[in-house]
Amino acid sequence: MHILIIPSWYPVSEKDLKVSFIREQAESLLKYDANLNVGVLNSLLDDMYSFSGMPLFNRIIKTRENGLNVYRSKCLNWFRRVPFLGLKIWIYEGMKLAKRYIREHGKPDIIHAHFMFYGGLLAARVSKKYNIPLVITEHNSGYARGFVKQWQLNLGIKAFSQASQCIAVSKNFAAYLDKKYKLPNNSWVYIPNMVSDIFFEYPLGCKNSKKDYFTFTTICHLNSNKGVDVLIKAFAKCFNNKKQIRLVIGGDGN
């Protein structure tokens, strides 16, 4: 089986932790079945204010990363203040990536897009052009925070109609997307994000019984939308001066 993954973002290196779960999911497919062929398309669009040492014309970079065939392109966004035009550039470059990938690796059996904007929109174009079944998984908290505009929703519903299945990563999020896109109930199905086996390799509980702590742990990308500041305030309010209870925060970010 041949799976092509089209995300909106993808880690640029092993040390890059942003959306690393997409890379981990792709690599886990190979662990599940070594006979799978898995590819990734990653189009990078930089605005002219971050332009540094980038070729004027787009070029495709192919790498083999832990068994994955990763195709990347990097191009300049001349329309930073006009998102719709920037999207057109991104999709245009993404379609060139897809054409090159299919020419060199053959037609995939299925496309899996991560994030509707804009991986899902690109994947819908590729799906329609090459007649490949499409699955879209949505992770974006920007819907609930009011960051998704109506023109984006209009494009999103077209991609939804092209997809064989659309997935949200929580039950409440799936129901929310049904309402946001004005779709019948259960149009979006729920499949949670995967969890690495490493989290189940060690028993829960305190290693040292002499230290009778109860520990709350949160691990995330440390940016404002994760609400870690709210968690800290809530923890302080509930467990102030209770030394036997502690909060451990891990992650990287802003």
Protein backbone atom coordinates (compact mmCIF):
# COMPACT_ATOMS: atom_id res chain seq x y z
CA MET A 1 0.00 0.00 0.00
CA HIS A 2 1.19 3.50 -0.84
CA ILE A 3 0.24 6.45 1.41
CA LEU A 4 0.97 10.09 0.62
CA ILE A 5 0.85 12.51 3.56
CA ILE A 6 0.19 16.19 2.86
CA PRO A 7 0.43 18.35 5.99
CA SER A 8 0.24 22.11 6.33
CA TRP A 9 3.50 21.98 8.27
CA TYR A 10 6.18 19.34 8.74
CA PRO A 11 9.37 19.30 10.85
CA VAL A 12 12.39 20.57 8.93
CA SER A 13 14.89 18.56 10.99
CA GLU A 14 15.12 15.89 13.69
CA LYS A 15 15.40 18.63 16.34
CA ASP A 16 12.33 20.49 15.09
CA LEU A 17 9.49 19.68 17.50
CA LYS A 18 6.77 21.71 15.80
CA VAL A 19 3.99 19.36 14.65
CA SER A 20 6.40 16.49 15.32
CA PHE A 21 3.36 14.28 15.91
CA ILE A 22 2.76 14.25 12.15
CA ARG A 23 6.24 12.85 11.55
CA GLU A 24 5.80 10.35 14.41
CA GLN A 25 2.49 9.16 12.95
CA ALA A 26 4.02 8.75 9.50
CA GLU A 27 6.97 6.78 10.91
CA SER A 28 4.63 4.60 12.98
CA LEU A 29 2.91 3.47 9.79
CA LEU A 30 6.19 1.92 8.68
CA LYS A 31 6.62 0.25 12.07
CA TYR A 32 3.16 -1.25 11.67
CA ASP A 33 3.92 -2.58 8.19
CA ALA A 34 7.43 -2.43 6.76
CA ASN A 35 6.02 -3.07 3.27
CA LEU A 36 4.16 0.23 3.21
CA ASN A 37 5.39 3.00 0.96
CA VAL A 38 4.94 6.35 2.72
CA GLY A 39 5.69 9.77 1.25
CA VAL A 40 5.39 13.32 2.57
CA LEU A 41 4.94 16.58 0.65
CA ASN A 42 6.01 19.76 2.46
CA SER A 43 5.78 23.13 0.73
CA LEU A 44 7.39 26.00 2.64
CA LEU A 45 6.19 29.52 1.92
CA ASP A 46 8.35 32.32 3.37
CA ASP A 47 7.46 35.96 3.22
CA MET A 48 9.90 38.52 1.86
CA TYR A 49 10.66 39.83 5.36
CA SER A 50 12.25 36.51 6.30
CA PHE A 51 13.92 36.09 2.92
CA SER A 52 17.50 35.01 3.51
CA GLY A 53 19.69 33.03 1.16
CA MET A 54 16.68 31.46 -0.53
CA PRO A 55 16.77 30.80 -4.28
CA LEU A 56 14.66 33.16 -6.35
CA PHE A 57 13.05 30.23 -8.14
CA ASN A 58 11.55 27.28 -6.31
CA ARG A 59 13.52 24.05 -6.17
CA ILE A 60 12.51 20.63 -4.91
CA ILE A 61 14.59 18.92 -2.23
CA LYS A 62 14.18 15.17 -1.82
CA THR A 63 15.29 13.36 1.34
CA ARG A 64 14.92 9.91 2.82
CA GLU A 65 14.03 10.30 6.51
CA ASN A 66 13.60 7.17 8.64
CA GLY A 67 12.08 5.31 5.71
CA LEU A 68 9.90 8.20 4.53
CA ASN A 69 10.25 9.79 1.10
CA VAL A 70 10.02 13.50 1.93
CA TYR A 71 9.68 16.08 -0.86
CA ARG A 72 10.12 19.73 0.12
CA SER A 73 9.94 22.97 -1.80
CA LYS A 74 10.63 26.48 -0.59
CA CYS A 75 9.38 29.59 -2.29
CA LEU A 76 8.85 33.26 -1.61
CA ASN A 77 5.44 34.67 -0.70
CA TRP A 78 5.13 38.00 -2.48
CA PHE A 79 1.62 38.54 -1.11
CA ARG A 80 2.06 38.43 2.67
CA ARG A 81 -0.77 40.90 3.22
CA VAL A 82 -3.13 39.14 0.82
CA PRO A 83 -3.58 35.62 2.27
CA PHE A 84 -5.75 34.37 -0.60
CA LEU A 85 -3.00 35.09 -3.13
CA GLY A 86 -0.40 33.54 -0.84
CA LEU A 87 -2.58 30.42 -0.72
CA LYS A 88 -2.64 30.27 -4.51
CA ILE A 89 1.18 30.28 -4.58
CA TRP A 90 1.33 27.59 -1.90
CA ILE A 91 -1.09 25.31 -3.77
CA TYR A 92 0.64 25.94 -7.10
CA GLU A 93 4.00 24.90 -5.63
CA GLY A 94 2.36 21.97 -3.85
CA MET A 95 0.86 20.69 -7.09
CA LYS A 96 4.33 20.74 -8.66
CA LEU A 97 5.61 18.73 -5.70
CA ALA A 98 2.80 16.19 -6.15
CA LYS A 99 3.45 15.87 -9.88
CA ARG A 100 7.15 15.23 -9.30
CA TYR A 101 6.49 12.78 -6.47
CA ILE A 102 3.95 10.74 -8.46
CA ARG A 103 6.22 10.68 -11.49
CA GLU A 104 9.06 9.22 -9.42
CA HIS A 105 7.16 7.00 -6.96
CA GLY A 106 3.91 6.17 -8.69
CA LYS A 107 0.32 6.99 -7.82
CA PRO A 108 -0.52 6.63 -4.10
CA ASP A 109 -3.43 4.48 -2.95
CA ILE A 110 -4.59 7.11 -0.47
CA ILE A 111 -3.79 10.68 0.57
CA HIS A 112 -3.84 11.72 4.23
CA ALA A 113 -3.91 15.48 4.83
CA HIS A 114 -3.23 17.11 8.19
CA PHE A 115 -4.94 20.47 8.86
CA MET A 116 -7.57 21.75 6.45
CA PHE A 117 -5.69 25.03 5.99
CA TYR A 118 -3.88 24.55 3.85
CA GLY A 119 -2.77 20.95 3.60
CA GLY A 120 -6.35 19.77 3.16
CA LEU A 121 -7.01 22.24 0.36
CA LEU A 122 -3.89 21.15 -1.51
CA ALA A 123 -4.66 17.48 -0.90
CA ALA A 124 -8.18 17.95 -2.29
CA ARG A 125 -6.70 19.34 -5.51
CA VAL A 126 -4.27 16.43 -5.80
CA SER A 127 -7.05 13.95 -4.98
CA LYS A 128 -9.32 15.34 -7.68
CA LYS A 129 -6.65 15.60 -10.38
CA TYR A 130 -5.23 12.10 -9.89
CA ASN A 131 -8.42 10.39 -8.65
CA ILE A 132 -6.93 9.30 -5.31
CA PRO A 133 -9.08 8.74 -2.16
CA LEU A 134 -8.55 11.44 0.46
CA VAL A 135 -8.71 11.53 4.26
CA ILE A 136 -8.37 14.84 6.13
CA THR A 137 -7.48 15.09 9.83
CA GLU A 138 -8.10 18.44 11.52
CA HIS A 139 -6.09 19.56 14.57
CA ASN A 140 -6.50 23.33 14.33
CA SER A 141 -7.67 25.11 17.50
CA GLY A 142 -7.95 28.31 15.47
CA TYR A 143 -11.59 27.52 14.63
CA ALA A 144 -12.73 28.02 18.22
CA ARG A 145 -10.47 31.05 18.69
CA GLY A 146 -12.00 32.87 15.73
CA PHE A 147 -8.93 32.76 13.50
CA VAL A 148 -10.64 30.97 10.59
CA LYS A 149 -12.30 33.40 8.19
CA GLN A 150 -15.46 32.81 6.18
CA TRP A 151 -13.59 32.67 2.86
CA GLN A 152 -11.46 29.89 4.34
CA LEU A 153 -14.55 27.99 5.48
CA ASN A 154 -15.97 28.29 1.96
CA LEU A 155 -12.84 26.65 0.58
CA GLY A 156 -12.84 24.10 3.39
CA ILE A 157 -16.32 22.82 2.56
CA LYS A 158 -15.18 22.14 -1.01
CA ALA A 159 -12.26 20.10 0.30
CA PHE A 160 -14.62 18.31 2.69
CA SER A 161 -16.83 17.27 -0.24
CA GLN A 162 -13.79 15.85 -2.04
CA ALA A 163 -12.68 13.78 0.97
CA SER A 164 -13.79 10.20 1.61
CA GLN A 165 -13.55 10.87 5.35
CA CYS A 166 -12.83 13.85 7.61
CA ILE A 167 -11.46 13.28 11.10
CA ALA A 168 -11.25 15.47 14.20
CA VAL A 169 -8.97 14.65 17.12
CA SER A 170 -11.62 14.92 19.86
CA LYS A 171 -15.35 14.24 20.17
CA ASN A 172 -16.23 17.81 21.06
CA PHE A 173 -14.07 19.13 18.22
CA ALA A 174 -15.83 16.84 15.73
CA ALA A 175 -19.23 18.13 16.86
CA TYR A 176 -17.94 21.71 16.71
CA LEU A 177 -16.71 21.28 13.13
CA ASP A 178 -20.10 19.87 12.09
CA LYS A 179 -21.71 23.10 13.30
CA LYS A 180 -18.97 25.37 11.98
CA TYR A 181 -19.31 23.92 8.48
CA LYS A 182 -23.12 23.65 8.81
CA LEU A 183 -23.04 19.91 8.21
CA PRO A 184 -25.24 17.08 9.54
CA ASN A 185 -24.23 15.57 12.88
CA ASN A 186 -21.37 13.06 12.74
CA SER A 187 -20.10 14.33 9.38
CA TRP A 188 -16.74 14.64 11.11
CA VAL A 189 -15.69 11.47 12.90
CA TYR A 190 -13.48 11.27 15.98
CA ILE A 191 -10.10 9.55 16.13
CA PRO A 192 -7.70 10.73 18.86
CA ASN A 193 -4.06 11.50 18.26
CA MET A 194 -1.71 8.59 18.75
CA VAL A 195 0.37 8.17 21.89
CA SER A 196 3.87 6.72 21.75
CA ASP A 197 4.39 3.30 23.33
CA ILE A 198 7.09 4.81 25.52
CA PHE A 199 4.41 6.31 27.75
CA PHE A 200 3.22 2.81 28.65
CA GLU A 201 6.63 1.27 29.30
CA TYR A 202 6.87 2.52 32.87
CA PRO A 203 4.34 1.97 35.67
CA LEU A 204 2.49 4.92 37.14
CA GLY A 205 3.35 5.93 40.67
CA CYS A 206 6.23 7.33 42.64
CA LYS A 207 9.58 5.60 42.24
CA ASN A 208 10.63 6.56 45.76
CA SER A 209 7.90 5.74 48.27
CA LYS A 210 9.60 7.95 50.88
CA LYS A 211 8.59 10.98 48.82
CA ASP A 212 4.84 10.86 48.94
CA TYR A 213 4.14 13.24 46.05
CA PHE A 214 1.18 13.35 43.75
CA THR A 215 2.37 14.83 40.46
CA PHE A 216 0.32 16.47 37.74
CA THR A 217 2.20 16.63 34.43
CA THR A 218 1.53 18.54 31.23
CA ILE A 219 3.71 18.26 28.12
CA CYS A 220 2.95 20.50 25.17
CA HIS A 221 4.21 23.12 22.77
CA LEU A 222 4.51 26.08 25.09
CA ASN A 223 2.58 28.82 23.37
CA SER A 224 -0.34 30.95 24.49
CA ASN A 225 -3.15 28.87 22.99
CA LYS A 226 -2.23 25.84 25.13
CA GLY A 227 -3.45 27.69 28.23
CA VAL A 228 -0.55 26.74 30.47
CA ASP A 229 -0.92 30.08 32.26
CA VAL A 230 -4.52 29.17 33.09
CA LEU A 231 -3.36 25.77 34.35
CA ILE A 232 -0.76 27.34 36.65
CA LYS A 233 -3.32 29.76 38.13
CA ALA A 234 -5.86 26.96 38.62
CA PHE A 235 -3.24 24.72 40.24
CA ALA A 236 -2.19 27.49 42.61
CA LYS A 237 -5.82 28.17 43.51
CA CYS A 238 -6.60 24.53 44.27
CA PHE A 239 -3.36 23.32 45.83
CA ASN A 240 -1.71 26.37 47.37
CA ASN A 241 0.62 25.39 50.26
CA LYS A 242 0.04 21.67 49.69
CA LYS A 243 3.62 20.49 49.35
CA GLN A 244 2.64 16.87 48.69
CA ILE A 245 1.09 17.89 45.36
CA ARG A 246 3.15 19.31 42.52
CA LEU A 247 2.83 20.35 38.89
CA VAL A 248 5.51 19.49 36.32
CA ILE A 249 5.48 21.31 32.97
CA GLY A 250 7.49 20.13 29.97
CA GLY A 251 7.85 21.23 26.38
CA ASP A 252 9.39 23.72 24.01
CA GLY A 253 7.99 26.84 22.44
CA ASN A 254 7.63 30.59 22.72
